[in-house]
Amino acid sequence: SGTVEALRDINLTIEKGDIFGIIGL
C-alpha cells in the first residue's frame, strides 16, 4: 500500500533502575 510510518518522532528518557511501561493498543 506504500510507506507506513510505524513510529513518529518518539522521545523518551528511561532512567537506570526504572520499570518503565509502554502501553498501547
mmCIF file of all heavy atoms, coordinates in Angstrom:
data_MODEL
# 
_entry.id   MODEL 
# 
loop_
_atom_site.group_PDB 
_atom_site.id 
_atom_site.type_symbol 
_atom_site.label_atom_id 
_atom_site.label_alt_id 
_atom_site.label_comp_id 
_atom_site.label_asym_id 
_atom_site.label_entity_id 
_atom_site.label_seq_id 
_atom_site.pdbx_PDB_ins_code 
_atom_site.Cartn_x 
_atom_site.Cartn_y 
_atom_site.Cartn_z 
_atom_site.occupancy 
_atom_site.B_iso_or_equiv 
_atom_site.pdbx_formal_charge 
_atom_site.auth_seq_id 
_atom_site.auth_comp_id 
_atom_site.auth_asym_id 
_atom_site.auth_atom_id 
_atom_site.pdbx_PDB_model_num 
ATOM 1   N N   . SER A 1 1  ? 0.813  -1.224 0.000  1.00 0.00 ? 1  SER A N   1 
ATOM 2   C CA  . SER A 1 1  ? 0.000  0.000  0.000  1.00 0.00 ? 1  SER A CA  1 
ATOM 3   C C   . SER A 1 1  ? 0.844  1.269  0.000  1.00 0.00 ? 1  SER A C   1 
ATOM 4   O O   . SER A 1 1  ? 0.322  2.372  -0.116 1.00 0.00 ? 1  SER A O   1 
ATOM 5   C CB  . SER A 1 1  ? -0.934 0.007  1.216  1.00 0.00 ? 1  SER A CB  1 
ATOM 6   O OG  . SER A 1 1  ? -0.184 0.010  2.420  1.00 0.00 ? 1  SER A OG  1 
ATOM 7   N N   . GLY A 1 2  ? 2.156  1.106  0.168  1.00 0.00 ? 2  GLY A N   1 
ATOM 8   C CA  . GLY A 1 2  ? 3.045  2.268  0.195  1.00 0.00 ? 2  GLY A CA  1 
ATOM 9   C C   . GLY A 1 2  ? 3.852  2.323  1.473  1.00 0.00 ? 2  GLY A C   1 
ATOM 10  O O   . GLY A 1 2  ? 4.137  1.284  2.076  1.00 0.00 ? 2  GLY A O   1 
ATOM 11  N N   . THR A 1 3  ? 4.225  3.520  1.895  1.00 0.00 ? 3  THR A N   1 
ATOM 12  C CA  . THR A 1 3  ? 5.038  3.709  3.091  1.00 0.00 ? 3  THR A CA  1 
ATOM 13  C C   . THR A 1 3  ? 4.154  3.814  4.323  1.00 0.00 ? 3  THR A C   1 
ATOM 14  O O   . THR A 1 3  ? 3.192  4.587  4.357  1.00 0.00 ? 3  THR A O   1 
ATOM 15  C CB  . THR A 1 3  ? 5.894  4.981  2.979  1.00 0.00 ? 3  THR A CB  1 
ATOM 16  O OG1 . THR A 1 3  ? 6.751  4.875  1.839  1.00 0.00 ? 3  THR A OG1 1 
ATOM 17  C CG2 . THR A 1 3  ? 6.743  5.177  4.221  1.00 0.00 ? 3  THR A CG2 1 
ATOM 18  N N   . VAL A 1 4  ? 4.483  3.012  5.334  1.00 0.00 ? 4  VAL A N   1 
ATOM 19  C CA  . VAL A 1 4  ? 3.757  3.030  6.606  1.00 0.00 ? 4  VAL A CA  1 
ATOM 20  C C   . VAL A 1 4  ? 4.683  3.594  7.680  1.00 0.00 ? 4  VAL A C   1 
ATOM 21  O O   . VAL A 1 4  ? 5.778  3.069  7.894  1.00 0.00 ? 4  VAL A O   1 
ATOM 22  C CB  . VAL A 1 4  ? 3.294  1.615  7.009  1.00 0.00 ? 4  VAL A CB  1 
ATOM 23  C CG1 . VAL A 1 4  ? 2.603  1.650  8.373  1.00 0.00 ? 4  VAL A CG1 1 
ATOM 24  C CG2 . VAL A 1 4  ? 2.387  1.021  5.951  1.00 0.00 ? 4  VAL A CG2 1 
ATOM 25  N N   . GLU A 1 5  ? 4.250  4.654  8.335  1.00 0.00 ? 5  GLU A N   1 
ATOM 26  C CA  . GLU A 1 5  ? 5.036  5.248  9.416  1.00 0.00 ? 5  GLU A CA  1 
ATOM 27  C C   . GLU A 1 5  ? 4.657  4.566  10.723 1.00 0.00 ? 5  GLU A C   1 
ATOM 28  O O   . GLU A 1 5  ? 3.644  4.894  11.335 1.00 0.00 ? 5  GLU A O   1 
ATOM 29  C CB  . GLU A 1 5  ? 4.793  6.753  9.487  1.00 0.00 ? 5  GLU A CB  1 
ATOM 30  C CG  . GLU A 1 5  ? 5.300  7.508  8.279  1.00 0.00 ? 5  GLU A CG  1 
ATOM 31  C CD  . GLU A 1 5  ? 5.113  9.009  8.423  1.00 0.00 ? 5  GLU A CD  1 
ATOM 32  O OE1 . GLU A 1 5  ? 4.859  9.482  9.547  1.00 0.00 ? 5  GLU A OE1 1 
ATOM 33  O OE2 . GLU A 1 5  ? 5.213  9.693  7.402  1.00 0.00 ? 5  GLU A OE2 1 
ATOM 34  N N   . ALA A 1 6  ? 5.478  3.623  11.154 1.00 0.00 ? 6  ALA A N   1 
ATOM 35  C CA  . ALA A 1 6  ? 5.181  2.850  12.372 1.00 0.00 ? 6  ALA A CA  1 
ATOM 36  C C   . ALA A 1 6  ? 5.478  3.640  13.633 1.00 0.00 ? 6  ALA A C   1 
ATOM 37  O O   . ALA A 1 6  ? 4.792  3.494  14.653 1.00 0.00 ? 6  ALA A O   1 
ATOM 38  C CB  . ALA A 1 6  ? 5.978  1.559  12.371 1.00 0.00 ? 6  ALA A CB  1 
ATOM 39  N N   . LEU A 1 7  ? 6.539  4.462  13.586 1.00 0.00 ? 7  LEU A N   1 
ATOM 40  C CA  . LEU A 1 7  ? 6.907  5.306  14.724 1.00 0.00 ? 7  LEU A CA  1 
ATOM 41  C C   . LEU A 1 7  ? 7.188  6.712  14.213 1.00 0.00 ? 7  LEU A C   1 
ATOM 42  O O   . LEU A 1 7  ? 7.856  6.884  13.193 1.00 0.00 ? 7  LEU A O   1 
ATOM 43  C CB  . LEU A 1 7  ? 8.157  4.761  15.431 1.00 0.00 ? 7  LEU A CB  1 
ATOM 44  C CG  . LEU A 1 7  ? 8.069  3.355  16.038 1.00 0.00 ? 7  LEU A CG  1 
ATOM 45  C CD1 . LEU A 1 7  ? 9.440  2.933  16.565 1.00 0.00 ? 7  LEU A CD1 1 
ATOM 46  C CD2 . LEU A 1 7  ? 7.027  3.292  17.148 1.00 0.00 ? 7  LEU A CD2 1 
ATOM 47  N N   . ARG A 1 8  ? 6.690  7.706  14.970 1.00 0.00 ? 8  ARG A N   1 
ATOM 48  C CA  . ARG A 1 8  ? 6.874  9.089  14.549 1.00 0.00 ? 8  ARG A CA  1 
ATOM 49  C C   . ARG A 1 8  ? 7.387  9.942  15.700 1.00 0.00 ? 8  ARG A C   1 
ATOM 50  O O   . ARG A 1 8  ? 6.705  10.131 16.709 1.00 0.00 ? 8  ARG A O   1 
ATOM 51  C CB  . ARG A 1 8  ? 5.555  9.681  14.022 1.00 0.00 ? 8  ARG A CB  1 
ATOM 52  C CG  . ARG A 1 8  ? 5.080  9.063  12.720 1.00 0.00 ? 8  ARG A CG  1 
ATOM 53  C CD  . ARG A 1 8  ? 3.963  9.890  12.085 1.00 0.00 ? 8  ARG A CD  1 
ATOM 54  N NE  . ARG A 1 8  ? 2.763  9.865  12.904 1.00 0.00 ? 8  ARG A NE  1 
ATOM 55  C CZ  . ARG A 1 8  ? 1.827  8.915  12.810 1.00 0.00 ? 8  ARG A CZ  1 
ATOM 56  N NH1 . ARG A 1 8  ? 1.974  7.915  11.961 1.00 0.00 ? 8  ARG A NH1 1 
ATOM 57  N NH2 . ARG A 1 8  ? 0.749  8.955  13.559 1.00 0.00 ? 8  ARG A NH2 1 
ATOM 58  N N   . ASP A 1 9  ? 8.617  10.412 15.550 1.00 0.00 ? 9  ASP A N   1 
ATOM 59  C CA  . ASP A 1 9  ? 9.212  11.395 16.466 1.00 0.00 ? 9  ASP A CA  1 
ATOM 60  C C   . ASP A 1 9  ? 9.064  10.971 17.937 1.00 0.00 ? 9  ASP A C   1 
ATOM 61  O O   . ASP A 1 9  ? 8.550  11.710 18.765 1.00 0.00 ? 9  ASP A O   1 
ATOM 62  C CB  . ASP A 1 9  ? 8.578  12.766 16.245 1.00 0.00 ? 9  ASP A CB  1 
ATOM 63  C CG  . ASP A 1 9  ? 9.433  13.888 16.812 1.00 0.00 ? 9  ASP A CG  1 
ATOM 64  O OD1 . ASP A 1 9  ? 10.667 13.738 16.862 1.00 0.00 ? 9  ASP A OD1 1 
ATOM 65  O OD2 . ASP A 1 9  ? 8.865  14.927 17.223 1.00 0.00 ? 9  ASP A OD2 1 
ATOM 66  N N   . ILE A 1 10 ? 9.568  9.777  18.238 1.00 0.00 ? 10 ILE A N   1 
ATOM 67  C CA  . ILE A 1 10 ? 9.498  9.252  19.604 1.00 0.00 ? 10 ILE A CA  1 
ATOM 68  C C   . ILE A 1 10 ? 10.622 9.865  20.444 1.00 0.00 ? 10 ILE A C   1 
ATOM 69  O O   . ILE A 1 10 ? 11.792 9.830  20.061 1.00 0.00 ? 10 ILE A O   1 
ATOM 70  C CB  . ILE A 1 10 ? 9.634  7.724  19.620 1.00 0.00 ? 10 ILE A CB  1 
ATOM 71  C CG1 . ILE A 1 10 ? 8.530  7.072  18.782 1.00 0.00 ? 10 ILE A CG1 1 
ATOM 72  C CG2 . ILE A 1 10 ? 9.646  7.197  21.056 1.00 0.00 ? 10 ILE A CG2 1 
ATOM 73  C CD1 . ILE A 1 10 ? 7.148  7.195  19.335 1.00 0.00 ? 10 ILE A CD1 1 
ATOM 74  N N   . ASN A 1 11 ? 10.250 10.412 21.609 1.00 0.00 ? 11 ASN A N   1 
ATOM 75  C CA  . ASN A 1 11 ? 11.222 10.959 22.556 1.00 0.00 ? 11 ASN A CA  1 
ATOM 76  C C   . ASN A 1 11 ? 10.909 10.414 23.949 1.00 0.00 ? 11 ASN A C   1 
ATOM 77  O O   . ASN A 1 11 ? 9.836  10.681 24.491 1.00 0.00 ? 11 ASN A O   1 
ATOM 78  C CB  . ASN A 1 11 ? 11.172 12.485 22.573 1.00 0.00 ? 11 ASN A CB  1 
ATOM 79  C CG  . ASN A 1 11 ? 11.735 13.105 21.307 1.00 0.00 ? 11 ASN A CG  1 
ATOM 80  O OD1 . ASN A 1 11 ? 12.938 13.281 21.159 1.00 0.00 ? 11 ASN A OD1 1 
ATOM 81  N ND2 . ASN A 1 11 ? 10.840 13.428 20.368 1.00 0.00 ? 11 ASN A ND2 1 
ATOM 82  N N   . LEU A 1 12 ? 11.850 9.647  24.495 1.00 0.00 ? 12 LEU A N   1 
ATOM 83  C CA  . LEU A 1 12 ? 11.670 9.057  25.821 1.00 0.00 ? 12 LEU A CA  1 
ATOM 84  C C   . LEU A 1 12 ? 12.993 9.059  26.572 1.00 0.00 ? 12 LEU A C   1 
ATOM 85  O O   . LEU A 1 12 ? 14.055 8.874  25.963 1.00 0.00 ? 12 LEU A O   1 
ATOM 86  C CB  . LEU A 1 12 ? 11.178 7.606  25.723 1.00 0.00 ? 12 LEU A CB  1 
ATOM 87  C CG  . LEU A 1 12 ? 9.754  7.330  25.242 1.00 0.00 ? 12 LEU A CG  1 
ATOM 88  C CD1 . LEU A 1 12 ? 9.543  5.829  25.093 1.00 0.00 ? 12 LEU A CD1 1 
ATOM 89  C CD2 . LEU A 1 12 ? 8.729  7.921  26.195 1.00 0.00 ? 12 LEU A CD2 1 
ATOM 90  N N   . THR A 1 13 ? 12.923 9.240  27.882 1.00 0.00 ? 13 THR A N   1 
ATOM 91  C CA  . THR A 1 13 ? 14.092 9.070  28.745 1.00 0.00 ? 13 THR A CA  1 
ATOM 92  C C   . THR A 1 13 ? 13.751 8.024  29.796 1.00 0.00 ? 13 THR A C   1 
ATOM 93  O O   . THR A 1 13 ? 12.778 8.181  30.541 1.00 0.00 ? 13 THR A O   1 
ATOM 94  C CB  . THR A 1 13 ? 14.490 10.384 29.432 1.00 0.00 ? 13 THR A CB  1 
ATOM 95  O OG1 . THR A 1 13 ? 14.844 11.351 28.433 1.00 0.00 ? 13 THR A OG1 1 
ATOM 96  C CG2 . THR A 1 13 ? 15.675 10.176 30.369 1.00 0.00 ? 13 THR A CG2 1 
ATOM 97  N N   . ILE A 1 14 ? 14.533 6.959  29.840 1.00 0.00 ? 14 ILE A N   1 
ATOM 98  C CA  . ILE A 1 14 ? 14.320 5.862  30.782 1.00 0.00 ? 14 ILE A CA  1 
ATOM 99  C C   . ILE A 1 14 ? 15.532 5.819  31.707 1.00 0.00 ? 14 ILE A C   1 
ATOM 100 O O   . ILE A 1 14 ? 16.652 5.537  31.271 1.00 0.00 ? 14 ILE A O   1 
ATOM 101 C CB  . ILE A 1 14 ? 14.140 4.530  30.034 1.00 0.00 ? 14 ILE A CB  1 
ATOM 102 C CG1 . ILE A 1 14 ? 12.924 4.636  29.092 1.00 0.00 ? 14 ILE A CG1 1 
ATOM 103 C CG2 . ILE A 1 14 ? 13.972 3.378  31.022 1.00 0.00 ? 14 ILE A CG2 1 
ATOM 104 C CD1 . ILE A 1 14 ? 12.812 3.516  28.085 1.00 0.00 ? 14 ILE A CD1 1 
ATOM 105 N N   . GLU A 1 15 ? 15.307 6.143  32.970 1.00 0.00 ? 15 GLU A N   1 
ATOM 106 C CA  . GLU A 1 15 ? 16.409 6.215  33.926 1.00 0.00 ? 15 GLU A CA  1 
ATOM 107 C C   . GLU A 1 15 ? 16.872 4.823  34.330 1.00 0.00 ? 15 GLU A C   1 
ATOM 108 O O   . GLU A 1 15 ? 16.101 3.859  34.309 1.00 0.00 ? 15 GLU A O   1 
ATOM 109 C CB  . GLU A 1 15 ? 15.974 6.989  35.180 1.00 0.00 ? 15 GLU A CB  1 
ATOM 110 C CG  . GLU A 1 15 ? 15.467 8.406  34.927 1.00 0.00 ? 15 GLU A CG  1 
ATOM 111 C CD  . GLU A 1 15 ? 16.579 9.390  34.600 1.00 0.00 ? 15 GLU A CD  1 
ATOM 112 O OE1 . GLU A 1 15 ? 17.765 9.035  34.795 1.00 0.00 ? 15 GLU A OE1 1 
ATOM 113 O OE2 . GLU A 1 15 ? 16.265 10.504 34.162 1.00 0.00 ? 15 GLU A OE2 1 
ATOM 114 N N   . LYS A 1 16 ? 18.125 4.742  34.734 1.00 0.00 ? 16 LYS A N   1 
ATOM 115 C CA  . LYS A 1 16 ? 18.675 3.472  35.214 1.00 0.00 ? 16 LYS A CA  1 
ATOM 116 C C   . LYS A 1 16 ? 17.872 3.017  36.427 1.00 0.00 ? 16 LYS A C   1 
ATOM 117 O O   . LYS A 1 16 ? 17.632 3.777  37.352 1.00 0.00 ? 16 LYS A O   1 
ATOM 118 C CB  . LYS A 1 16 ? 20.154 3.644  35.579 1.00 0.00 ? 16 LYS A CB  1 
ATOM 119 C CG  . LYS A 1 16 ? 20.839 2.351  36.002 1.00 0.00 ? 16 LYS A CG  1 
ATOM 120 C CD  . LYS A 1 16 ? 22.316 2.568  36.227 1.00 0.00 ? 16 LYS A CD  1 
ATOM 121 C CE  . LYS A 1 16 ? 23.009 1.301  36.721 1.00 0.00 ? 16 LYS A CE  1 
ATOM 122 N NZ  . LYS A 1 16 ? 22.886 0.186  35.774 1.00 0.00 ? 16 LYS A NZ  1 
ATOM 123 N N   . GLY A 1 17 ? 17.436 1.769  36.410 1.00 0.00 ? 17 GLY A N   1 
ATOM 124 C CA  . GLY A 1 17 ? 16.676 1.221  37.529 1.00 0.00 ? 17 GLY A CA  1 
ATOM 125 C C   . GLY A 1 17 ? 15.173 1.407  37.426 1.00 0.00 ? 17 GLY A C   1 
ATOM 126 O O   . GLY A 1 17 ? 14.423 0.933  38.283 1.00 0.00 ? 17 GLY A O   1 
ATOM 127 N N   . ASP A 1 18 ? 14.704 2.077  36.373 1.00 0.00 ? 18 ASP A N   1 
ATOM 128 C CA  . ASP A 1 18 ? 13.260 2.226  36.157 1.00 0.00 ? 18 ASP A CA  1 
ATOM 129 C C   . ASP A 1 18 ? 12.625 0.887  35.801 1.00 0.00 ? 18 ASP A C   1 
ATOM 130 O O   . ASP A 1 18 ? 13.260 0.016  35.193 1.00 0.00 ? 18 ASP A O   1 
ATOM 131 C CB  . ASP A 1 18 ? 12.974 3.182  34.985 1.00 0.00 ? 18 ASP A CB  1 
ATOM 132 C CG  . ASP A 1 18 ? 12.966 4.651  35.394 1.00 0.00 ? 18 ASP A CG  1 
ATOM 133 O OD1 . ASP A 1 18 ? 12.917 4.938  36.606 1.00 0.00 ? 18 ASP A OD1 1 
ATOM 134 O OD2 . ASP A 1 18 ? 13.012 5.506  34.485 1.00 0.00 ? 18 ASP A OD2 1 
ATOM 135 N N   . ILE A 1 19 ? 11.347 0.736  36.162 1.00 0.00 ? 19 ILE A N   1 
ATOM 136 C CA  . ILE A 1 19 ? 10.497 -0.243 35.496 1.00 0.00 ? 19 ILE A CA  1 
ATOM 137 C C   . ILE A 1 19 ? 9.535  0.603  34.676 1.00 0.00 ? 19 ILE A C   1 
ATOM 138 O O   . ILE A 1 19 ? 8.591  1.194  35.193 1.00 0.00 ? 19 ILE A O   1 
ATOM 139 C CB  . ILE A 1 19 ? 9.736  -1.143 36.480 1.00 0.00 ? 19 ILE A CB  1 
ATOM 140 C CG1 . ILE A 1 19 ? 10.703 -1.869 37.418 1.00 0.00 ? 19 ILE A CG1 1 
ATOM 141 C CG2 . ILE A 1 19 ? 8.897  -2.166 35.718 1.00 0.00 ? 19 ILE A CG2 1 
ATOM 142 C CD1 . ILE A 1 19 ? 10.024 -2.824 38.395 1.00 0.00 ? 19 ILE A CD1 1 
ATOM 143 N N   . PHE A 1 20 ? 9.816  0.694  33.399 1.00 0.00 ? 20 PHE A N   1 
ATOM 144 C CA  . PHE A 1 20 ? 9.153  1.654  32.511 1.00 0.00 ? 20 PHE A CA  1 
ATOM 145 C C   . PHE A 1 20 ? 8.160  0.920  31.628 1.00 0.00 ? 20 PHE A C   1 
ATOM 146 O O   . PHE A 1 20 ? 8.520  0.004  30.895 1.00 0.00 ? 20 PHE A O   1 
ATOM 147 C CB  . PHE A 1 20 ? 10.201 2.367  31.653 1.00 0.00 ? 20 PHE A CB  1 
ATOM 148 C CG  . PHE A 1 20 ? 9.702  3.611  30.968 1.00 0.00 ? 20 PHE A CG  1 
ATOM 149 C CD1 . PHE A 1 20 ? 10.023 4.867  31.470 1.00 0.00 ? 20 PHE A CD1 1 
ATOM 150 C CD2 . PHE A 1 20 ? 8.913  3.532  29.830 1.00 0.00 ? 20 PHE A CD2 1 
ATOM 151 C CE1 . PHE A 1 20 ? 9.573  6.025  30.840 1.00 0.00 ? 20 PHE A CE1 1 
ATOM 152 C CE2 . PHE A 1 20 ? 8.450  4.676  29.202 1.00 0.00 ? 20 PHE A CE2 1 
ATOM 153 C CZ  . PHE A 1 20 ? 8.779  5.931  29.709 1.00 0.00 ? 20 PHE A CZ  1 
ATOM 154 N N   . GLY A 1 21 ? 6.905  1.327  31.694 1.00 0.00 ? 21 GLY A N   1 
ATOM 155 C CA  . GLY A 1 21 ? 5.870  0.692  30.890 1.00 0.00 ? 21 GLY A CA  1 
ATOM 156 C C   . GLY A 1 21 ? 5.577  1.478  29.627 1.00 0.00 ? 21 GLY A C   1 
ATOM 157 O O   . GLY A 1 21 ? 5.547  2.705  29.637 1.00 0.00 ? 21 GLY A O   1 
ATOM 158 N N   . ILE A 1 22 ? 5.366  0.766  28.529 1.00 0.00 ? 22 ILE A N   1 
ATOM 159 C CA  . ILE A 1 22 ? 4.900  1.370  27.275 1.00 0.00 ? 22 ILE A CA  1 
ATOM 160 C C   . ILE A 1 22 ? 3.627  0.640  26.897 1.00 0.00 ? 22 ILE A C   1 
ATOM 161 O O   . ILE A 1 22 ? 3.641  -0.562 26.635 1.00 0.00 ? 22 ILE A O   1 
ATOM 162 C CB  . ILE A 1 22 ? 5.955  1.264  26.163 1.00 0.00 ? 22 ILE A CB  1 
ATOM 163 C CG1 . ILE A 1 22 ? 7.243  1.987  26.583 1.00 0.00 ? 22 ILE A CG1 1 
ATOM 164 C CG2 . ILE A 1 22 ? 5.423  1.859  24.854 1.00 0.00 ? 22 ILE A CG2 1 
ATOM 165 C CD1 . ILE A 1 22 ? 8.406  1.804  25.622 1.00 0.00 ? 22 ILE A CD1 1 
ATOM 166 N N   . ILE A 1 23 ? 2.514  1.366  26.900 1.00 0.00 ? 23 ILE A N   1 
ATOM 167 C CA  . ILE A 1 23 ? 1.217  0.730  26.682 1.00 0.00 ? 23 ILE A CA  1 
ATOM 168 C C   . ILE A 1 23 ? 0.551  1.291  25.436 1.00 0.00 ? 23 ILE A C   1 
ATOM 169 O O   . ILE A 1 23 ? 0.690  2.477  25.123 1.00 0.00 ? 23 ILE A O   1 
ATOM 170 C CB  . ILE A 1 23 ? 0.306  0.904  27.918 1.00 0.00 ? 23 ILE A CB  1 
ATOM 171 C CG1 . ILE A 1 23 ? -0.963 0.069  27.767 1.00 0.00 ? 23 ILE A CG1 1 
ATOM 172 C CG2 . ILE A 1 23 ? -0.038 2.374  28.174 1.00 0.00 ? 23 ILE A CG2 1 
ATOM 173 C CD1 . ILE A 1 23 ? -1.753 -0.108 29.052 1.00 0.00 ? 23 ILE A CD1 1 
ATOM 174 N N   . GLY A 1 24 ? -0.133 0.425  24.715 1.00 0.00 ? 24 GLY A N   1 
ATOM 175 C CA  . GLY A 1 24 ? -0.847 0.848  23.519 1.00 0.00 ? 24 GLY A CA  1 
ATOM 176 C C   . GLY A 1 24 ? -1.704 -0.291 22.998 1.00 0.00 ? 24 GLY A C   1 
ATOM 177 O O   . GLY A 1 24 ? -1.508 -1.455 23.368 1.00 0.00 ? 24 GLY A O   1 
ATOM 178 N N   . LEU A 1 25 ? -2.654 0.043  22.157 1.00 0.00 ? 25 LEU A N   1 
ATOM 179 C CA  . LEU A 1 25 ? -3.495 -0.971 21.534 1.00 0.00 ? 25 LEU A CA  1 
ATOM 180 C C   . LEU A 1 25 ? -2.697 -1.753 20.487 1.00 0.00 ? 25 LEU A C   1 
ATOM 181 O O   . LEU A 1 25 ? -1.585 -1.350 20.115 1.00 0.00 ? 25 LEU A O   1 
ATOM 182 C CB  . LEU A 1 25 ? -4.702 -0.301 20.875 1.00 0.00 ? 25 LEU A CB  1 
ATOM 183 C CG  . LEU A 1 25 ? -5.653 0.458  21.810 1.00 0.00 ? 25 LEU A CG  1 
ATOM 184 C CD1 . LEU A 1 25 ? -6.661 1.249  20.990 1.00 0.00 ? 25 LEU A CD1 1 
ATOM 185 C CD2 . LEU A 1 25 ? -6.358 -0.497 22.757 1.00 0.00 ? 25 LEU A CD2 1 
# 
